[in-house]
Structures are given as C-alpha cells and as structure tokens.
PDB file of N, CA and C in Angstrom:
ATOM      1  N   MET A   1     -97.800  -1.352  60.114  1.00  0.00           N
ATOM      2  CA  MET A   1     -96.459  -1.797  61.670  1.00  0.00           C
ATOM      3  C   MET A   1     -96.356  -0.431  62.141  1.00  0.00           C
ATOM      4  N   ASN A   2     -96.369  -0.006  63.529  1.00  0.00           N
ATOM      5  CA  ASN A   2     -95.353   1.134  64.158  1.00  0.00           C
ATOM      6  C   ASN A   2     -94.144   1.119  64.282  1.00  0.00           C
ATOM      7  N   ASN A   3     -93.835   1.751  64.630  1.00  0.00           N
ATOM      8  CA  ASN A   3     -92.181   2.008  65.074  1.00  0.00           C
ATOM      9  C   ASN A   3     -91.781   1.122  66.118  1.00  0.00           C
ATOM     10  N   ASP A   4     -92.634   0.595  67.083  1.00  0.00           N
ATOM     11  CA  ASP A   4     -91.892  -0.270  68.316  1.00  0.00           C
ATOM     12  C   ASP A   4     -91.817  -1.841  67.430  1.00  0.00           C
ATOM     13  N   THR A   5     -92.704  -2.145  66.527  1.00  0.00           N
ATOM     14  CA  THR A   5     -92.788  -3.515  66.351  1.00  0.00           C
ATOM     15  C   THR A   5     -91.577  -3.228  65.092  1.00  0.00           C
ATOM     16  N   LEU A   6     -91.383  -2.751  64.107  1.00  0.00           N
ATOM     17  CA  LEU A   6     -90.022  -2.509  63.461  1.00  0.00           C
ATOM     18  C   LEU A   6     -89.133  -2.644  64.037  1.00  0.00           C
ATOM     19  N   ILE A   7     -88.894  -1.871  64.982  1.00  0.00           N
ATOM     20  CA  ILE A   7     -87.784  -1.828  65.804  1.00  0.00           C
ATOM     21  C   ILE A   7     -87.397  -3.245  66.584  1.00  0.00           C
ATOM     22  N   LYS A   8     -88.141  -4.139  67.043  1.00  0.00           N
ATOM     23  CA  LYS A   8     -88.056  -5.245  67.550  1.00  0.00           C
ATOM     24  C   LYS A   8     -87.801  -6.160  66.411  1.00  0.00           C
ATOM     25  N   GLU A   9     -88.174  -6.267  65.359  1.00  0.00           N
ATOM     26  CA  GLU A   9     -87.870  -6.864  64.213  1.00  0.00           C
ATOM     27  C   GLU A   9     -86.672  -7.023  63.982  1.00  0.00           C
ATOM     28  N   LEU A  10     -86.083  -5.492  63.563  1.00  0.00           N
ATOM     29  CA  LEU A  10     -84.737  -5.226  63.305  1.00  0.00           C
ATOM     30  C   LEU A  10     -83.710  -5.795  64.266  1.00  0.00           C
ATOM     31  N   ARG A  11     -84.082  -5.561  65.607  1.00  0.00           N
ATOM     32  CA  ARG A  11     -83.179  -5.951  67.063  1.00  0.00           C
ATOM     33  C   ARG A  11     -83.393  -7.536  66.611  1.00  0.00           C
ATOM     34  N   ASP A  12     -83.862  -8.287  66.639  1.00  0.00           N
ATOM     35  CA  ASP A  12     -84.285  -9.803  66.854  1.00  0.00           C
ATOM     36  C   ASP A  12     -83.358 -10.251  65.563  1.00  0.00           C
ATOM     37  N   LYS A  13     -82.864  -9.185  64.238  1.00  0.00           N
ATOM     38  CA  LYS A  13     -81.982  -9.821  63.347  1.00  0.00           C
ATOM     39  C   LYS A  13     -80.701  -9.580  63.106  1.00  0.00           C
ATOM     40  N   GLY A  14     -80.797  -9.038  64.916  1.00  0.00           N
ATOM     41  CA  GLY A  14     -79.106  -8.455  65.185  1.00  0.00           C
ATOM     42  C   GLY A  14     -78.635  -7.244  64.824  1.00  0.00           C
ATOM     43  N   TYR A  15     -79.809  -6.671  64.377  1.00  0.00           N
ATOM     44  CA  TYR A  15     -79.376  -4.970  63.885  1.00  0.00           C
ATOM     45  C   TYR A  15     -78.941  -3.961  65.381  1.00  0.00           C
ATOM     46  N   GLY A  16     -78.005  -3.007  65.277  1.00  0.00           N
ATOM     47  CA  GLY A  16     -77.390  -2.205  66.090  1.00  0.00           C
ATOM     48  C   GLY A  16     -78.225  -1.123  66.070  1.00  0.00           C
ATOM     49  N   TYR A  17     -78.406  -0.327  67.150  1.00  0.00           N
ATOM     50  CA  TYR A  17     -79.183   1.184  67.519  1.00  0.00           C
ATOM     51  C   TYR A  17     -78.625   1.745  65.934  1.00  0.00           C
ATOM     52  N   LYS A  18     -77.759   2.428  65.653  1.00  0.00           N
ATOM     53  CA  LYS A  18     -77.782   3.020  64.734  1.00  0.00           C
ATOM     54  C   LYS A  18     -77.815   2.511  63.451  1.00  0.00           C
ATOM     55  N   LYS A  19     -77.559   1.248  63.336  1.00  0.00           N
ATOM     56  CA  LYS A  19     -78.362   0.560  61.564  1.00  0.00           C
ATOM     57  C   LYS A  19     -79.781   0.774  61.743  1.00  0.00           C
ATOM     58  N   ILE A  20     -80.693   0.608  63.067  1.00  0.00           N
ATOM     59  CA  ILE A  20     -82.228   0.645  62.904  1.00  0.00           C
ATOM     60  C   ILE A  20     -82.591   2.025  62.639  1.00  0.00           C
ATOM     61  N   ALA A  21     -81.802   2.856  63.461  1.00  0.00           N
ATOM     62  CA  ALA A  21     -82.087   4.447  63.294  1.00  0.00           C
ATOM     63  C   ALA A  21     -82.425   4.865  61.952  1.00  0.00           C
ATOM     64  N   ASN A  22     -80.975   4.320  60.889  1.00  0.00           N
ATOM     65  CA  ASN A  22     -80.691   4.836  59.644  1.00  0.00           C
ATOM     66  C   ASN A  22     -82.077   4.372  59.184  1.00  0.00           C
ATOM     67  N   GLU A  23     -82.064   3.180  59.150  1.00  0.00           N
ATOM     68  CA  GLU A  23     -83.285   2.366  58.492  1.00  0.00           C
ATOM     69  C   GLU A  23     -84.621   2.847  58.683  1.00  0.00           C
ATOM     70  N   LEU A  24     -84.767   3.010  59.548  1.00  0.00           N
ATOM     71  CA  LEU A  24     -86.695   3.968  59.918  1.00  0.00           C
ATOM     72  C   LEU A  24     -86.297   5.642  59.874  1.00  0.00           C
ATOM     73  N   ASP A  25     -85.357   5.881  59.776  1.00  0.00           N
ATOM     74  CA  ASP A  25     -85.188   7.445  59.826  1.00  0.00           C
ATOM     75  C   ASP A  25     -85.289   7.914  61.174  1.00  0.00           C
ATOM     76  N   LEU A  26     -85.107   7.568  62.136  1.00  0.00           N
ATOM     77  CA  LEU A  26     -85.272   8.015  63.489  1.00  0.00           C
ATOM     78  C   LEU A  26     -83.977   8.276  64.246  1.00  0.00           C
ATOM     79  N   LYS A  27     -83.907   9.218  65.401  1.00  0.00           N
ATOM     80  CA  LYS A  27     -83.168   9.354  66.105  1.00  0.00           C
ATOM     81  C   LYS A  27     -82.584   8.269  67.036  1.00  0.00           C
ATOM     82  N   VAL A  28     -81.199   7.898  66.860  1.00  0.00           N
ATOM     83  CA  VAL A  28     -80.467   7.027  68.219  1.00  0.00           C
ATOM     84  C   VAL A  28     -80.829   6.746  69.227  1.00  0.00           C
ATOM     85  N   ASP A  29     -80.865   7.799  69.886  1.00  0.00           N
ATOM     86  CA  ASP A  29     -81.508   7.911  70.987  1.00  0.00           C
ATOM     87  C   ASP A  29     -83.167   7.211  71.465  1.00  0.00           C
ATOM     88  N   ALA A  30     -83.816   7.388  70.615  1.00  0.00           N
ATOM     89  CA  ALA A  30     -85.231   7.004  70.337  1.00  0.00           C
ATOM     90  C   ALA A  30     -85.402   5.453  70.145  1.00  0.00           C
ATOM     91  N   VAL A  31     -84.505   4.956  69.485  1.00  0.00           N
ATOM     92  CA  VAL A  31     -84.128   3.565  69.358  1.00  0.00           C
ATOM     93  C   VAL A  31     -83.887   3.191  70.338  1.00  0.00           C
ATOM     94  N   ARG A  32     -82.753   3.201  71.057  1.00  0.00           N
ATOM     95  CA  ARG A  32     -81.996   2.987  72.615  1.00  0.00           C
ATOM     96  C   ARG A  32     -83.205   2.723  73.233  1.00  0.00           C
ATOM     97  N   TYR A  33     -84.258   3.978  73.873  1.00  0.00           N
ATOM     98  CA  TYR A  33     -85.067   4.036  74.374  1.00  0.00           C
ATOM     99  C   TYR A  33     -86.295   2.816  74.410  1.00  0.00           C
ATOM    100  N   ALA A  34     -86.696   2.662  73.128  1.00  0.00           N
ATOM    101  CA  ALA A  34     -87.886   1.784  72.847  1.00  0.00           C
ATOM    102  C   ALA A  34     -87.291   0.292  72.852  1.00  0.00           C
ATOM    103  N   CYS A  35     -85.918   0.015  72.773  1.00  0.00           N
ATOM    104  CA  CYS A  35     -85.532  -1.243  73.037  1.00  0.00           C
ATOM    105  C   CYS A  35     -85.072  -1.383  74.653  1.00  0.00           C
ATOM    106  N   LEU A  36     -84.847  -0.264  75.262  1.00  0.00           N
ATOM    107  CA  LEU A  36     -84.887  -0.199  76.957  1.00  0.00           C
ATOM    108  C   LEU A  36     -86.322  -0.507  76.975  1.00  0.00           C
ATOM    109  N   ARG A  37     -87.084  -0.104  76.803  1.00  0.00           N
ATOM    110  CA  ARG A  37     -88.508  -0.133  77.287  1.00  0.00           C
ATOM    111  C   ARG A  37     -89.254  -1.674  77.147  1.00  0.00           C
ATOM    112  N   MET A  38     -88.573  -1.981  75.992  1.00  0.00           N
ATOM    113  CA  MET A  38     -89.663  -3.483  75.770  1.00  0.00           C
ATOM    114  C   MET A  38     -88.695  -4.429  76.594  1.00  0.00           C
ATOM    115  N   GLU A  39     -87.587  -4.147  76.619  1.00  0.00           N
ATOM    116  CA  GLU A  39     -86.436  -5.131  77.714  1.00  0.00           C
ATOM    117  C   GLU A  39     -87.363  -4.839  78.776  1.00  0.00           C
ATOM    118  N   GLU A  40     -87.565  -4.300  79.202  1.00  0.00           N
ATOM    119  CA  GLU A  40     -88.536  -4.058  80.411  1.00  0.00           C
ATOM    120  C   GLU A  40     -89.747  -4.909  80.752  1.00  0.00           C
ATOM    121  N   GLU A  41     -90.506  -4.811  79.769  1.00  0.00           N
ATOM    122  CA  GLU A  41     -91.595  -5.382  79.554  1.00  0.00           C
ATOM    123  C   GLU A  41     -91.375  -6.801  79.769  1.00  0.00           C
ATOM    124  N   SER A  42     -90.377  -7.378  79.064  1.00  0.00           N
ATOM    125  CA  SER A  42     -90.331  -8.826  78.897  1.00  0.00           C
ATOM    126  C   SER A  42     -89.856  -9.176  80.503  1.00  0.00           C
ATOM    127  N   LEU A  43     -90.511 -10.030  80.762  1.00  0.00           N
ATOM    128  CA  LEU A  43     -90.486 -10.300  82.396  1.00  0.00           C
ATOM    129  C   LEU A  43     -90.492 -11.996  82.483  1.00  0.00           C
ATOM    130  N   VAL A  44     -90.297 -12.330  81.154  1.00  0.00           N
ATOM    131  CA  VAL A  44     -90.224 -14.131  80.614  1.00  0.00           C
ATOM    132  C   VAL A  44     -88.921 -14.335  80.827  1.00  0.00           C
ATOM    133  N   GLY A  45     -88.643 -15.453  81.789  1.00  0.00           N
ATOM    134  CA  GLY A  45     -87.290 -15.844  82.024  1.00  0.00           C
ATOM    135  C   GLY A  45     -87.031 -17.383  81.768  1.00  0.00           C
ATOM    136  N   TYR A  46     -85.804 -18.234  82.137  1.00  0.00           N
ATOM    137  CA  TYR A  46     -85.913 -19.387  81.772  1.00  0.00           C
ATOM    138  C   TYR A  46     -85.607 -20.177  83.344  1.00  0.00           C
ATOM    139  N   CYS A  47     -85.310 -21.164  83.726  1.00  0.00           N
ATOM    140  CA  CYS A  47     -84.781 -21.685  85.096  1.00  0.00           C
ATOM    141  C   CYS A  47     -83.209 -22.059  84.622  1.00  0.00           C
ATOM    142  N   LYS A  48     -82.273 -21.940  85.118  1.00  0.00           N
ATOM    143  CA  LYS A  48     -80.813 -21.708  84.424  1.00  0.00           C
ATOM    144  C   LYS A  48     -80.685 -23.212  84.898  1.00  0.00           C
ATOM    145  N   ASN A  49     -81.292 -23.883  85.568  1.00  0.00           N
ATOM    146  CA  ASN A  49     -81.477 -25.523  85.884  1.00  0.00           C
ATOM    147  C   ASN A  49     -81.931 -26.252  84.733  1.00  0.00           C
ATOM    148  N   CYS A  50     -83.193 -26.466  84.659  1.00  0.00           N
ATOM    149  CA  CYS A  50     -84.003 -27.237  83.977  1.00  0.00           C
ATOM    150  C   CYS A  50     -84.697 -26.457  82.640  1.00  0.00           C
ATOM    151  N   GLY A  51     -84.898 -25.217  82.508  1.00  0.00           N
ATOM    152  CA  GLY A  51     -85.298 -24.596  81.332  1.00  0.00           C
ATOM    153  C   GLY A  51     -86.534 -23.886  81.275  1.00  0.00           C
ATOM    154  N   LEU A  52     -87.076 -24.358  82.621  1.00  0.00           N
ATOM    155  CA  LEU A  52     -88.691 -23.789  82.890  1.00  0.00           C
ATOM    156  C   LEU A  52     -88.947 -22.510  82.408  1.00  0.00           C
ATOM    157  N   GLU A  53     -89.723 -22.314  81.866  1.00  0.00           N
ATOM    158  CA  GLU A  53     -90.055 -20.600  81.549  1.00  0.00           C
ATOM    159  C   GLU A  53     -90.763 -19.996  82.706  1.00  0.00           C
ATOM    160  N   MET A  54     -90.439 -18.870  83.555  1.00  0.00           N
ATOM    161  CA  MET A  54     -90.990 -18.383  84.397  1.00  0.00           C
ATOM    162  C   MET A  54     -91.101 -16.775  84.355  1.00  0.00           C
ATOM    163  N   LYS A  55     -92.339 -16.491  84.924  1.00  0.00           N
ATOM    164  CA  LYS A  55     -92.472 -14.955  84.952  1.00  0.00           C
ATOM    165  C   LYS A  55     -92.063 -14.377  86.145  1.00  0.00           C
ATOM    166  N   SER A  56     -91.468 -13.208  86.167  1.00  0.00           N
ATOM    167  CA  SER A  56     -90.829 -12.832  87.229  1.00  0.00           C
ATOM    168  C   SER A  56     -91.917 -11.315  87.465  1.00  0.00           C
ATOM    169  N   VAL A  57     -91.569 -10.899  88.328  1.00  0.00           N
ATOM    170  CA  VAL A  57     -92.549  -9.519  88.968  1.00  0.00           C
ATOM    171  C   VAL A  57     -91.689  -8.192  88.463  1.00  0.00           C
ATOM    172  N   LYS A  58     -92.472  -7.472  88.411  1.00  0.00           N
ATOM    173  CA  LYS A  58     -92.165  -6.189  87.645  1.00  0.00           C
ATOM    174  C   LYS A  58     -91.848  -5.623  88.995  1.00  0.00           C
ATOM    175  N   GLY A  59     -90.386  -4.771  89.209  1.00  0.00           N
ATOM    176  CA  GLY A  59     -89.797  -4.212  90.290  1.00  0.00           C
ATOM    177  C   GLY A  59     -89.168  -5.155  91.264  1.00  0.00           C
ATOM    178  N   LYS A  60     -89.232  -6.353  90.924  1.00  0.00           N
ATOM    179  CA  LYS A  60     -88.664  -7.186  92.015  1.00  0.00           C
ATOM    180  C   LYS A  60     -87.382  -7.964  90.803  1.00  0.00           C
ATOM    181  N   LYS A  61     -86.551  -8.335  91.918  1.00  0.00           N
ATOM    182  CA  LYS A  61     -85.358  -9.243  91.206  1.00  0.00           C
ATOM    183  C   LYS A  61     -85.949  -9.994  90.574  1.00  0.00           C
ATOM    184  N   LYS A  62     -84.956 -10.616  89.296  1.00  0.00           N
ATOM    185  CA  LYS A  62     -85.522 -11.696  88.193  1.00  0.00           C
ATOM    186  C   LYS A  62     -85.105 -12.681  88.712  1.00  0.00           C
ATOM    187  N   LYS A  63     -85.902 -13.676  88.697  1.00  0.00           N
ATOM    188  CA  LYS A  63     -85.985 -15.221  88.909  1.00  0.00           C
ATOM    189  C   LYS A  63     -84.713 -15.663  88.134  1.00  0.00           C
ATOM    190  N   ILE A  64     -84.021 -16.407  88.872  1.00  0.00           N
ATOM    191  CA  ILE A  64     -82.918 -17.142  88.182  1.00  0.00           C
ATOM    192  C   ILE A  64     -83.461 -18.961  88.115  1.00  0.00           C
ATOM    193  N   PHE A  65     -83.774 -19.445  89.399  1.00  0.00           N
ATOM    194  CA  PHE A  65     -84.481 -20.722  89.609  1.00  0.00           C
ATOM    195  C   PHE A  65     -85.750 -21.053  89.485  1.00  0.00           C
ATOM    196  N   CYS A  66     -86.380 -22.153  89.236  1.00  0.00           N
ATOM    197  CA  CYS A  66     -87.847 -21.834  89.314  1.00  0.00           C
ATOM    198  C   CYS A  66     -88.174 -22.437  90.689  1.00  0.00           C
ATOM    199  N   SER A  67     -87.144 -23.589  91.285  1.00  0.00           N
ATOM    200  CA  SER A  67     -87.668 -24.031  92.516  1.00  0.00           C
ATOM    201  C   SER A  67     -86.441 -24.122  93.530  1.00  0.00           C
ATOM    202  N   ASP A  68     -86.399 -24.199  94.587  1.00  0.00           N
ATOM    203  CA  ASP A  68     -85.144 -24.707  95.623  1.00  0.00           C
ATOM    204  C   ASP A  68     -84.410 -25.785  95.317  1.00  0.00           C
ATOM    205  N   ARG A  69     -85.630 -26.798  94.621  1.00  0.00           N
ATOM    206  CA  ARG A  69     -84.736 -28.034  94.424  1.00  0.00           C
ATOM    207  C   ARG A  69     -83.659 -27.999  93.051  1.00  0.00           C
ATOM    208  N   CYS A  70     -84.378 -27.019  92.017  1.00  0.00           N
ATOM    209  CA  CYS A  70     -83.538 -26.898  90.833  1.00  0.00           C
ATOM    210  C   CYS A  70     -81.948 -25.960  91.099  1.00  0.00           C
ATOM    211  N   ARG A  71     -82.261 -25.114  92.010  1.00  0.00           N
ATOM    212  CA  ARG A  71     -81.160 -24.233  92.995  1.00  0.00           C
ATOM    213  C   ARG A  71     -80.031 -24.802  93.585  1.00  0.00           C
ATOM    214  N   TRP A  72     -80.731 -26.220  93.900  1.00  0.00           N
ATOM    215  CA  TRP A  72     -79.674 -26.730  95.048  1.00  0.00           C
ATOM    216  C   TRP A  72     -78.806 -27.876  94.061  1.00  0.00           C
ATOM    217  N   GLN A  73     -79.811 -28.270  93.287  1.00  0.00           N
ATOM    218  CA  GLN A  73     -79.255 -29.053  92.117  1.00  0.00           C
ATOM    219  C   GLN A  73     -78.285 -28.708  91.532  1.00  0.00           C
ATOM    220  N   TRP A  74     -78.300 -27.253  90.584  1.00  0.00           N
ATOM    221  CA  TRP A  74     -77.423 -26.419  89.792  1.00  0.00           C
ATOM    222  C   TRP A  74     -76.152 -26.390  90.550  1.00  0.00           C
ATOM    223  N   TRP A  75     -76.218 -25.681  92.060  1.00  0.00           N
ATOM    224  CA  TRP A  75     -75.160 -25.454  92.635  1.00  0.00           C
ATOM    225  C   TRP A  75     -74.366 -26.696  92.750  1.00  0.00           C
ATOM    226  N   ASN A  76     -75.145 -27.616  93.319  1.00  0.00           N
ATOM    227  CA  ASN A  76     -74.106 -29.133  93.467  1.00  0.00           C
ATOM    228  C   ASN A  76     -73.530 -29.455  91.969  1.00  0.00           C
ATOM    229  N   GLU A  77     -73.902 -29.368  91.185  1.00  0.00           N
ATOM    230  CA  GLU A  77     -73.194 -29.701  89.869  1.00  0.00           C
ATOM    231  C   GLU A  77     -72.372 -28.661  89.476  1.00  0.00           C
ATOM    232  N   GLN A  78     -72.133 -27.457  90.228  1.00  0.00           N
ATOM    233  CA  GLN A  78     -71.272 -26.590  89.637  1.00  0.00           C
ATOM    234  C   GLN A  78     -69.825 -26.638  90.605  1.00  0.00           C
ATOM    235  N   ARG A  79     -70.206 -27.232  91.852  1.00  0.00           N
ATOM    236  CA  ARG A  79     -69.449 -27.729  92.796  1.00  0.00           C
ATOM    237  C   ARG A  79     -68.542 -29.129  92.427  1.00  0.00           C
ATOM    238  N   LYS A  80     -69.042 -29.903  91.802  1.00  0.00           N
ATOM    239  CA  LYS A  80     -68.671 -31.263  91.118  1.00  0.00           C
ATOM    240  C   LYS A  80     -67.100 -30.799  90.224  1.00  0.00           C
ATOM    241  N   GLY A  81     -68.037 -29.923  89.268  1.00  0.00           N
ATOM    242  CA  GLY A  81     -66.855 -29.268  88.293  1.00  0.00           C
ATOM    243  C   GLY A  81     -65.852 -28.623  88.879  1.00  0.00           C
ATOM    244  N   SER A  82     -65.883 -27.915  89.951  1.00  0.00           N
ATOM    245  CA  SER A  82     -64.500 -27.229  90.152  1.00  0.00           C
ATOM    246  C   SER A  82     -63.332 -27.948  90.765  1.00  0.00           C
ATOM    247  N   SER A  83     -62.401 -27.213  91.040  1.00  0.00           N
ATOM    248  CA  SER A  83     -61.403 -27.896  91.474  1.00  0.00           C
ATOM    249  C   SER A  83     -60.827 -27.313  92.716  1.00  0.00           C
ATOM    250  N   HIS A  84     -61.913 -26.644  93.290  1.00  0.00           N
ATOM    251  CA  HIS A  84     -61.470 -25.883  94.653  1.00  0.00           C
ATOM    252  C   HIS A  84     -61.226 -26.972  95.896  1.00  0.00           C
ATOM    253  N   ASN A  85     -61.917 -27.796  96.230  1.00  0.00           N
ATOM    254  CA  ASN A  85     -61.930 -29.080  97.241  1.00  0.00           C
ATOM    255  C   ASN A  85     -61.119 -29.919  97.029  1.00  0.00           C
ATOM    256  N   GLU A  86     -60.880 -30.177  95.761  1.00  0.00           N
ATOM    257  CA  GLU A  86     -60.020 -31.626  95.360  1.00  0.00           C
ATOM    258  C   GLU A  86     -58.519 -32.043  96.009  1.00  0.00           C
ATOM    259  N   SER A  87     -58.287 -33.137  96.670  1.00  0.00           N
ATOM    260  CA  SER A  87     -56.818 -33.132  97.627  1.00  0.00           C
ATOM    261  C   SER A  87     -56.062 -33.435  96.268  1.00  0.00           C
ATOM    262  N   ILE A  88     -54.741 -33.402  96.755  1.00  0.00           N
ATOM    263  CA  ILE A  88     -53.795 -33.973  95.829  1.00  0.00           C
ATOM    264  C   ILE A  88     -53.247 -35.366  95.884  1.00  0.00           C
TER     265      ILE A  88
END
C-alpha cells in the first residue's frame, strides 16, 4: 500500500494530521497536502433534498441540488419551518 491509501484509511477512521504523521513517520504538511489533494479529487456530492448522488465538474461550483424541482421543494420546506412570516 502506498502512503495515500494509508492516509485515506486513517482519515476515515477519524485520525488527525499529527496522529497520521506520527503513525506513518511523515511530516504533518505532507499529510495535510495529501488530504487536500484527495478532497479535490472527490467530486461526488449528494442532493440536499432527495439524497441523489451527483458528480460535480472540477473547477466549477459544487452542485447542491440535482434539479430545480429539488431546489424549490427544499426551499419551500425551509420556509414552512421558519417563523419569519407568521402573523400574531
């Protein structure tokens, strides 16, 4: 196994940068850089409303909703829960 896969496994277990660096005998900056690089590569996201898996385009804004329908549905649900427009 190379360092990147080991770093990813330890990160998934909840280890911090320092603890990973000590475990693998690496510099903290090297571990942090590897984690940031892996984060950039993960372009998979999930719709905030329905949970559908979506892929975002690298270099573009990350998608939050899969469609306009989900966006509107989520927005309307959020408005129902707020007390902003309730009359006394």
